[in-house]
Amino acid sequence: MNEGILIAYDDTYYSIGDTLVIQKRLTDILKPCGMRYFTGRSLYKPEDPDRRDDIMYDAMKLLSQCEWIDNKNVGIFVIDDIISISPKSEKYKYYEDYFKKTGRMAHNILIDENNQIVDGYVSLLIADKHKDNMKKWQNPAIYKVNALVPRAKVVIGRHVDMSGTDIIIKGPQYFAWIYNKKEPVVPGDVLKVNTRKGEAYMVVEKIKYIAGKKKCAEYKKVIEHMGMRIEI
């Protein structure tokens, strides 16, 4: 726990120059507490591992007293699990390859009421790595969720026909399913899904999140990721 402080910016409002100014200001605030600027424009870590918890406590308390942070919509997230800093290389590469090819993020970022990241951490890492070459519209959006409210990742797309040599989109109507598989998923991926008429296949064209027990209960779940992708 208390591995570091992750700073995220809403790039809808800020240019790269703006965030660099904010970064310098945050560095000046955190350095006297014993926090060291670590990477990109996002991560600060305690310099003294033996005093890590005390340093993190002092740093977070100090930041909570900075009213300008709230006014500037700068999100502050405490990374309390070192595993979250190093996602599986296969998963990271899958999402980064999609970003490099399309210029878009597959997922946005979810944080809870305690500013803990609950989904989309890889998107944040990719955005930080490629920040110098990214446009504002390419950055993932950051949404707040209630940790106690059920939520789900939903894939939206159309049915596809896989009976021939090519995968063909069957019609104009869009449908949605809950995606809870371990494999990473991006637009263009082909999935096996449950329907009212039995099993079928669909291509992912959009990914979003839903919240609420009743809302989540309305959706069927994806059966399998087919390991295939088509251009959409």
C-alpha atoms as a PDB file:
ATOM      1  CA  MET A   1       0.000   0.000   0.000  1.00  0.00           C
ATOM      2  CA  ASN A   2       0.915   3.690  -0.299  1.00  0.00           C
ATOM      3  CA  GLU A   3       3.200   3.124  -3.279  1.00  0.00           C
ATOM      4  CA  GLY A   4       2.732   6.567  -4.744  1.00  0.00           C
ATOM      5  CA  ILE A   5       0.454   9.372  -5.872  1.00  0.00           C
ATOM      6  CA  LEU A   6      -0.819   9.353  -9.424  1.00  0.00           C
ATOM      7  CA  ILE A   7      -1.827  12.706 -10.882  1.00  0.00           C
ATOM      8  CA  ALA A   8      -4.244  12.711 -13.828  1.00  0.00           C
ATOM      9  CA  TYR A   9      -5.374  15.725 -15.812  1.00  0.00           C
ATOM     10  CA  ASP A  10      -8.550  16.458 -17.719  1.00  0.00           C
ATOM     11  CA  ASP A  11      -6.994  17.282 -21.076  1.00  0.00           C
ATOM     12  CA  THR A  12     -10.337  18.546 -22.332  1.00  0.00           C
ATOM     13  CA  TYR A  13      -9.428  21.771 -20.552  1.00  0.00           C
ATOM     14  CA  TYR A  14      -5.638  21.715 -20.485  1.00  0.00           C
ATOM     15  CA  SER A  15      -2.956  21.757 -23.135  1.00  0.00           C
ATOM     16  CA  ILE A  16       0.378  19.977 -22.704  1.00  0.00           C
ATOM     17  CA  GLY A  17       1.847  23.323 -21.665  1.00  0.00           C
ATOM     18  CA  ASP A  18      -0.816  23.815 -19.003  1.00  0.00           C
ATOM     19  CA  THR A  19      -0.207  20.383 -17.494  1.00  0.00           C
ATOM     20  CA  LEU A  20       3.549  20.956 -17.391  1.00  0.00           C
ATOM     21  CA  VAL A  21       2.936  24.121 -15.371  1.00  0.00           C
ATOM     22  CA  ILE A  22       0.668  22.184 -13.000  1.00  0.00           C
ATOM     23  CA  GLN A  23       3.238  19.409 -12.777  1.00  0.00           C
ATOM     24  CA  LYS A  24       5.969  21.840 -11.701  1.00  0.00           C
ATOM     25  CA  ARG A  25       3.671  23.359  -9.093  1.00  0.00           C
ATOM     26  CA  LEU A  26       2.797  19.925  -7.710  1.00  0.00           C
ATOM     27  CA  THR A  27       6.466  18.925  -7.665  1.00  0.00           C
ATOM     28  CA  ASP A  28       7.300  22.034  -5.620  1.00  0.00           C
ATOM     29  CA  ILE A  29       4.513  21.146  -3.169  1.00  0.00           C
ATOM     30  CA  LEU A  30       5.382  17.468  -2.801  1.00  0.00           C
ATOM     31  CA  LYS A  31       9.187  17.603  -2.723  1.00  0.00           C
ATOM     32  CA  PRO A  32       9.432  18.993   0.861  1.00  0.00           C
ATOM     33  CA  CYS A  33       7.255  16.061   2.001  1.00  0.00           C
ATOM     34  CA  GLY A  34       9.802  13.594   0.668  1.00  0.00           C
ATOM     35  CA  MET A  35       8.020  12.765  -2.598  1.00  0.00           C
ATOM     36  CA  ARG A  36      10.024  12.336  -5.803  1.00  0.00           C
ATOM     37  CA  TYR A  37       8.763  12.919  -9.327  1.00  0.00           C
ATOM     38  CA  PHE A  38       8.945   9.467 -10.877  1.00  0.00           C
ATOM     39  CA  THR A  39       7.782   9.272 -14.499  1.00  0.00           C
ATOM     40  CA  GLY A  40       5.813  10.967 -17.257  1.00  0.00           C
ATOM     41  CA  ARG A  41       3.737  13.750 -15.811  1.00  0.00           C
ATOM     42  CA  SER A  42       1.795  11.511 -13.478  1.00  0.00           C
ATOM     43  CA  LEU A  43       3.559   9.568 -10.761  1.00  0.00           C
ATOM     44  CA  TYR A  44       5.223  10.678  -7.524  1.00  0.00           C
ATOM     45  CA  LYS A  45       6.759   8.212  -5.058  1.00  0.00           C
ATOM     46  CA  PRO A  46       8.239   8.475  -1.536  1.00  0.00           C
ATOM     47  CA  GLU A  47      12.024   8.901  -1.622  1.00  0.00           C
ATOM     48  CA  ASP A  48      12.588   7.019   1.649  1.00  0.00           C
ATOM     49  CA  PRO A  49      10.974   3.537   1.551  1.00  0.00           C
ATOM     50  CA  ASP A  50      11.292   3.183   5.338  1.00  0.00           C
ATOM     51  CA  ARG A  51       9.146   6.294   5.846  1.00  0.00           C
ATOM     52  CA  ARG A  52       6.820   5.569   2.968  1.00  0.00           C
ATOM     53  CA  ASP A  53       3.527   5.519   4.877  1.00  0.00           C
ATOM     54  CA  ASP A  54       4.272   8.703   6.831  1.00  0.00           C
ATOM     55  CA  ILE A  55       5.428  10.508   3.694  1.00  0.00           C
ATOM     56  CA  MET A  56       2.299   9.466   1.817  1.00  0.00           C
ATOM     57  CA  TYR A  57       0.103  10.576   4.699  1.00  0.00           C
ATOM     58  CA  ASP A  58       1.751  14.008   4.857  1.00  0.00           C
ATOM     59  CA  ALA A  59       1.642  14.427   1.078  1.00  0.00           C
ATOM     60  CA  MET A  60      -2.028  13.521   0.739  1.00  0.00           C
ATOM     61  CA  LYS A  61      -2.962  15.736   3.675  1.00  0.00           C
ATOM     62  CA  LEU A  62      -1.106  18.635   2.093  1.00  0.00           C
ATOM     63  CA  LEU A  63      -2.755  18.102  -1.283  1.00  0.00           C
ATOM     64  CA  SER A  64      -6.188  17.924   0.319  1.00  0.00           C
ATOM     65  CA  GLN A  65      -5.621  21.450   1.609  1.00  0.00           C
ATOM     66  CA  CYS A  66      -4.860  22.827  -1.872  1.00  0.00           C
ATOM     67  CA  GLU A  67      -8.178  24.303  -3.010  1.00  0.00           C
ATOM     68  CA  TRP A  68      -6.785  25.162  -6.449  1.00  0.00           C
ATOM     69  CA  ILE A  69      -6.509  21.447  -7.240  1.00  0.00           C
ATOM     70  CA  ASP A  70     -10.271  20.980  -6.971  1.00  0.00           C
ATOM     71  CA  ASN A  71     -10.853  24.192  -8.875  1.00  0.00           C
ATOM     72  CA  LYS A  72      -8.647  22.965 -11.727  1.00  0.00           C
ATOM     73  CA  ASN A  73     -10.254  19.512 -11.851  1.00  0.00           C
ATOM     74  CA  VAL A  74      -6.953  17.732 -11.269  1.00  0.00           C
ATOM     75  CA  GLY A  75      -7.670  14.179 -10.154  1.00  0.00           C
ATOM     76  CA  ILE A  76      -5.463  12.743  -7.415  1.00  0.00           C
ATOM     77  CA  PHE A  77      -5.310   8.959  -7.181  1.00  0.00           C
ATOM     78  CA  VAL A  78      -3.438   6.976  -4.534  1.00  0.00           C
ATOM     79  CA  ILE A  79      -1.844   3.848  -5.967  1.00  0.00           C
ATOM     80  CA  ASP A  80      -2.085   1.376  -3.111  1.00  0.00           C
ATOM     81  CA  ASP A  81      -1.140  -1.808  -4.981  1.00  0.00           C
ATOM     82  CA  ILE A  82       2.232  -2.049  -6.711  1.00  0.00           C
ATOM     83  CA  ILE A  83       0.825  -4.674  -9.079  1.00  0.00           C
ATOM     84  CA  SER A  84      -1.356  -2.007 -10.642  1.00  0.00           C
ATOM     85  CA  ILE A  85       1.755  -0.163 -11.825  1.00  0.00           C
ATOM     86  CA  SER A  86       2.831  -3.126 -13.962  1.00  0.00           C
ATOM     87  CA  PRO A  87      -0.089  -4.645 -15.885  1.00  0.00           C
ATOM     88  CA  LYS A  88       0.472  -7.855 -17.807  1.00  0.00           C
ATOM     89  CA  SER A  89       2.647  -7.128 -20.815  1.00  0.00           C
ATOM     90  CA  GLU A  90       0.262  -8.961 -23.174  1.00  0.00           C
ATOM     91  CA  LYS A  91      -2.694  -6.870 -22.024  1.00  0.00           C
ATOM     92  CA  TYR A  92      -0.736  -3.626 -22.219  1.00  0.00           C
ATOM     93  CA  LYS A  93       0.537  -4.444 -25.727  1.00  0.00           C
ATOM     94  CA  TYR A  94      -2.960  -5.352 -26.924  1.00  0.00           C
ATOM     95  CA  TYR A  95      -4.344  -1.969 -25.907  1.00  0.00           C
ATOM     96  CA  GLU A  96      -1.285  -0.017 -26.999  1.00  0.00           C
ATOM     97  CA  ASP A  97      -1.295  -1.672 -30.435  1.00  0.00           C
ATOM     98  CA  TYR A  98      -4.931  -0.628 -30.839  1.00  0.00           C
ATOM     99  CA  PHE A  99      -4.065   2.939 -29.866  1.00  0.00           C
ATOM    100  CA  LYS A 100      -1.115   3.079 -32.262  1.00  0.00           C
ATOM    101  CA  LYS A 101      -3.260   1.783 -35.125  1.00  0.00           C
ATOM    102  CA  THR A 102      -6.395   3.866 -34.559  1.00  0.00           C
ATOM    103  CA  GLY A 103      -5.284   6.861 -32.492  1.00  0.00           C
ATOM    104  CA  ARG A 104      -8.062   6.089 -30.009  1.00  0.00           C
ATOM    105  CA  MET A 105      -8.225   4.635 -26.520  1.00  0.00           C
ATOM    106  CA  ALA A 106     -10.302   1.482 -26.186  1.00  0.00           C
ATOM    107  CA  HIS A 107     -11.367   2.351 -22.635  1.00  0.00           C
ATOM    108  CA  ASN A 108     -11.941   5.342 -20.428  1.00  0.00           C
ATOM    109  CA  ILE A 109     -10.904   5.547 -16.753  1.00  0.00           C
ATOM    110  CA  LEU A 110     -13.143   4.909 -13.750  1.00  0.00           C
ATOM    111  CA  ILE A 111     -12.330   6.159 -10.251  1.00  0.00           C
ATOM    112  CA  ASP A 112     -14.342   5.675  -7.085  1.00  0.00           C
ATOM    113  CA  GLU A 113     -15.338   8.190  -4.430  1.00  0.00           C
ATOM    114  CA  ASN A 114     -11.959   7.700  -2.742  1.00  0.00           C
ATOM    115  CA  ASN A 115     -10.106   8.511  -5.989  1.00  0.00           C
ATOM    116  CA  GLN A 116      -9.000   4.896  -6.419  1.00  0.00           C
ATOM    117  CA  ILE A 117      -8.728   3.692 -10.010  1.00  0.00           C
ATOM    118  CA  VAL A 118     -11.203   0.852 -10.525  1.00  0.00           C
ATOM    119  CA  ASP A 119     -10.856   0.379 -14.292  1.00  0.00           C
ATOM    120  CA  GLY A 120      -8.896   1.803 -17.194  1.00  0.00           C
ATOM    121  CA  TYR A 121      -5.447   1.929 -15.579  1.00  0.00           C
ATOM    122  CA  VAL A 122      -3.782   0.720 -18.780  1.00  0.00           C
ATOM    123  CA  SER A 123      -5.364   3.611 -20.698  1.00  0.00           C
ATOM    124  CA  LEU A 124      -3.785   6.016 -18.238  1.00  0.00           C
ATOM    125  CA  LEU A 125      -0.362   4.422 -18.699  1.00  0.00           C
ATOM    126  CA  ILE A 126      -0.662   4.550 -22.488  1.00  0.00           C
ATOM    127  CA  ALA A 127      -1.790   8.182 -22.418  1.00  0.00           C
ATOM    128  CA  ASP A 128       1.158   9.074 -20.206  1.00  0.00           C
ATOM    129  CA  LYS A 129       3.653   7.244 -22.422  1.00  0.00           C
ATOM    130  CA  HIS A 130       2.425   8.913 -25.611  1.00  0.00           C
ATOM    131  CA  LYS A 131       1.483  12.290 -24.091  1.00  0.00           C
ATOM    132  CA  ASP A 132       3.883  14.344 -26.219  1.00  0.00           C
ATOM    133  CA  ASN A 133       2.255  13.201 -29.478  1.00  0.00           C
ATOM    134  CA  MET A 134      -1.392  13.045 -28.403  1.00  0.00           C
ATOM    135  CA  LYS A 135      -4.229  15.371 -29.284  1.00  0.00           C
ATOM    136  CA  LYS A 136      -6.763  16.376 -26.634  1.00  0.00           C
ATOM    137  CA  TRP A 137      -9.510  14.196 -28.123  1.00  0.00           C
ATOM    138  CA  GLN A 138      -7.279  11.115 -27.864  1.00  0.00           C
ATOM    139  CA  ASN A 139      -7.036  11.221 -24.074  1.00  0.00           C
ATOM    140  CA  PRO A 140      -9.269   8.872 -22.071  1.00  0.00           C
ATOM    141  CA  ALA A 141     -12.117  10.495 -20.164  1.00  0.00           C
ATOM    142  CA  ILE A 142     -12.214  10.104 -16.375  1.00  0.00           C
ATOM    143  CA  TYR A 143     -15.514   9.178 -14.705  1.00  0.00           C
ATOM    144  CA  LYS A 144     -16.428   8.892 -11.024  1.00  0.00           C
ATOM    145  CA  VAL A 145     -18.336   5.848  -9.778  1.00  0.00           C
ATOM    146  CA  ASN A 146     -19.617   4.669  -6.414  1.00  0.00           C
ATOM    147  CA  ALA A 147     -17.598   1.644  -5.299  1.00  0.00           C
ATOM    148  CA  LEU A 148     -20.659   0.107  -3.612  1.00  0.00           C
ATOM    149  CA  VAL A 149     -22.879   0.311  -6.702  1.00  0.00           C
ATOM    150  CA  PRO A 150     -22.692  -2.687  -9.085  1.00  0.00           C
ATOM    151  CA  ARG A 151     -21.151  -1.777 -12.441  1.00  0.00           C
ATOM    152  CA  ALA A 152     -20.231  -3.565 -15.631  1.00  0.00           C
ATOM    153  CA  LYS A 153     -18.287  -3.105 -18.841  1.00  0.00           C
ATOM    154  CA  VAL A 154     -20.582  -3.260 -21.847  1.00  0.00           C
ATOM    155  CA  VAL A 155     -19.657  -3.988 -25.469  1.00  0.00           C
ATOM    156  CA  ILE A 156     -21.914  -2.592 -28.191  1.00  0.00           C
ATOM    157  CA  GLY A 157     -21.997  -3.741 -31.781  1.00  0.00           C
ATOM    158  CA  ARG A 158     -23.736  -5.613 -34.566  1.00  0.00           C
ATOM    159  CA  HIS A 159     -24.167  -9.289 -35.333  1.00  0.00           C
ATOM    160  CA  VAL A 160     -21.739 -10.851 -37.787  1.00  0.00           C
ATOM    161  CA  ASP A 161     -21.926 -13.858 -40.080  1.00  0.00           C
ATOM    162  CA  MET A 162     -18.973 -16.245 -39.683  1.00  0.00           C
ATOM    163  CA  SER A 163     -20.248 -19.052 -41.905  1.00  0.00           C
ATOM    164  CA  GLY A 164     -18.091 -18.124 -44.889  1.00  0.00           C
ATOM    165  CA  THR A 165     -14.439 -17.303 -45.426  1.00  0.00           C
ATOM    166  CA  ASP A 166     -14.997 -13.666 -44.437  1.00  0.00           C
ATOM    167  CA  ILE A 167     -16.598 -12.180 -41.347  1.00  0.00           C
ATOM    168  CA  ILE A 168     -19.522 -10.039 -42.536  1.00  0.00           C
ATOM    169  CA  ILE A 169     -21.673  -7.596 -40.556  1.00  0.00           C
ATOM    170  CA  LYS A 170     -25.255  -8.829 -40.902  1.00  0.00           C
ATOM    171  CA  GLY A 171     -27.380  -5.731 -40.418  1.00  0.00           C
ATOM    172  CA  PRO A 172     -27.755  -2.164 -39.131  1.00  0.00           C
ATOM    173  CA  GLN A 173     -29.145  -2.936 -35.664  1.00  0.00           C
ATOM    174  CA  TYR A 174     -26.889  -2.556 -32.617  1.00  0.00           C
ATOM    175  CA  PHE A 175     -27.000  -4.719 -29.485  1.00  0.00           C
ATOM    176  CA  ALA A 176     -25.130  -4.733 -26.166  1.00  0.00           C
ATOM    177  CA  TRP A 177     -23.704  -7.352 -23.796  1.00  0.00           C
ATOM    178  CA  ILE A 178     -21.798  -7.335 -20.525  1.00  0.00           C
ATOM    179  CA  TYR A 179     -18.126  -8.185 -21.015  1.00  0.00           C
ATOM    180  CA  ASN A 180     -16.522  -9.914 -18.009  1.00  0.00           C
ATOM    181  CA  LYS A 181     -13.862 -12.056 -19.683  1.00  0.00           C
ATOM    182  CA  LYS A 182     -10.174 -11.965 -18.746  1.00  0.00           C
ATOM    183  CA  GLU A 183      -9.049 -11.289 -22.322  1.00  0.00           C
ATOM    184  CA  PRO A 184      -8.607  -7.607 -23.250  1.00  0.00           C
ATOM    185  CA  VAL A 185     -11.215  -6.274 -25.649  1.00  0.00           C
ATOM    186  CA  VAL A 186     -11.138  -3.425 -28.191  1.00  0.00           C
ATOM    187  CA  PRO A 187     -13.410  -2.251 -31.012  1.00  0.00           C
ATOM    188  CA  GLY A 188     -13.195  -4.640 -33.946  1.00  0.00           C
ATOM    189  CA  ASP A 189     -12.941  -7.766 -31.785  1.00  0.00           C
ATOM    190  CA  VAL A 190     -15.325 -10.617 -32.568  1.00  0.00           C
ATOM    191  CA  LEU A 191     -17.179 -12.228 -29.646  1.00  0.00           C
ATOM    192  CA  LYS A 192     -19.567 -15.135 -29.139  1.00  0.00           C
ATOM    193  CA  VAL A 193     -22.695 -13.969 -27.318  1.00  0.00           C
ATOM    194  CA  ASN A 194     -26.013 -15.137 -25.941  1.00  0.00           C
ATOM    195  CA  THR A 195     -29.171 -13.958 -27.705  1.00  0.00           C
ATOM    196  CA  ARG A 196     -32.867 -14.695 -27.447  1.00  0.00           C
ATOM    197  CA  LYS A 197     -32.449 -17.107 -30.376  1.00  0.00           C
ATOM    198  CA  GLY A 198     -29.352 -18.837 -29.008  1.00  0.00           C
ATOM    199  CA  GLU A 199     -25.644 -18.305 -29.500  1.00  0.00           C
ATOM    200  CA  ALA A 200     -24.431 -15.841 -32.110  1.00  0.00           C
ATOM    201  CA  TYR A 201     -21.441 -13.653 -32.975  1.00  0.00           C
ATOM    202  CA  MET A 202     -20.949  -9.890 -32.808  1.00  0.00           C
ATOM    203  CA  VAL A 203     -18.253  -7.322 -33.550  1.00  0.00           C
ATOM    204  CA  VAL A 204     -17.409  -4.766 -30.874  1.00  0.00           C
ATOM    205  CA  GLU A 205     -17.878  -1.202 -32.102  1.00  0.00           C
ATOM    206  CA  LYS A 206     -18.088   0.680 -28.818  1.00  0.00           C
ATOM    207  CA  ILE A 207     -17.242   0.026 -25.165  1.00  0.00           C
ATOM    208  CA  LYS A 208     -18.949   1.776 -22.253  1.00  0.00           C
ATOM    209  CA  TYR A 209     -19.812   1.249 -18.585  1.00  0.00           C
ATOM    210  CA  ILE A 210     -23.151   0.913 -16.833  1.00  0.00           C
ATOM    211  CA  ALA A 211     -24.019   1.082 -13.138  1.00  0.00           C
ATOM    212  CA  GLY A 212     -26.831  -0.156 -10.924  1.00  0.00           C
ATOM    213  CA  LYS A 213     -28.044  -3.640 -10.044  1.00  0.00           C
ATOM    214  CA  LYS A 214     -31.254  -3.385 -12.084  1.00  0.00           C
ATOM    215  CA  LYS A 215     -29.470  -1.908 -15.075  1.00  0.00           C
ATOM    216  CA  CYS A 216     -26.800  -4.622 -15.099  1.00  0.00           C
ATOM    217  CA  ALA A 217     -29.488  -7.306 -14.843  1.00  0.00           C
ATOM    218  CA  GLU A 218     -30.965  -6.201 -18.189  1.00  0.00           C
ATOM    219  CA  TYR A 219     -27.951  -7.400 -20.183  1.00  0.00           C
ATOM    220  CA  LYS A 220     -26.834 -10.866 -21.258  1.00  0.00           C
ATOM    221  CA  LYS A 221     -23.140 -11.739 -20.933  1.00  0.00           C
ATOM    222  CA  VAL A 222     -20.520 -12.454 -23.560  1.00  0.00           C
ATOM    223  CA  ILE A 223     -19.744 -16.165 -23.877  1.00  0.00           C
ATOM    224  CA  GLU A 224     -16.290 -16.079 -25.445  1.00  0.00           C
ATOM    225  CA  HIS A 225     -13.666 -13.845 -27.020  1.00  0.00           C
ATOM    226  CA  MET A 226     -12.971 -15.433 -30.426  1.00  0.00           C
ATOM    227  CA  GLY A 227      -9.444 -14.069 -30.774  1.00  0.00           C
ATOM    228  CA  MET A 228     -10.406 -12.426 -34.085  1.00  0.00           C
ATOM    229  CA  ARG A 229     -10.659  -8.817 -35.186  1.00  0.00           C
ATOM    230  CA  ILE A 230     -12.065  -7.093 -38.245  1.00  0.00           C
ATOM    231  CA  GLU A 231     -11.823  -3.571 -39.614  1.00  0.00           C
ATOM    232  CA  ILE A 232     -14.831  -1.423 -38.731  1.00  0.00           C
END
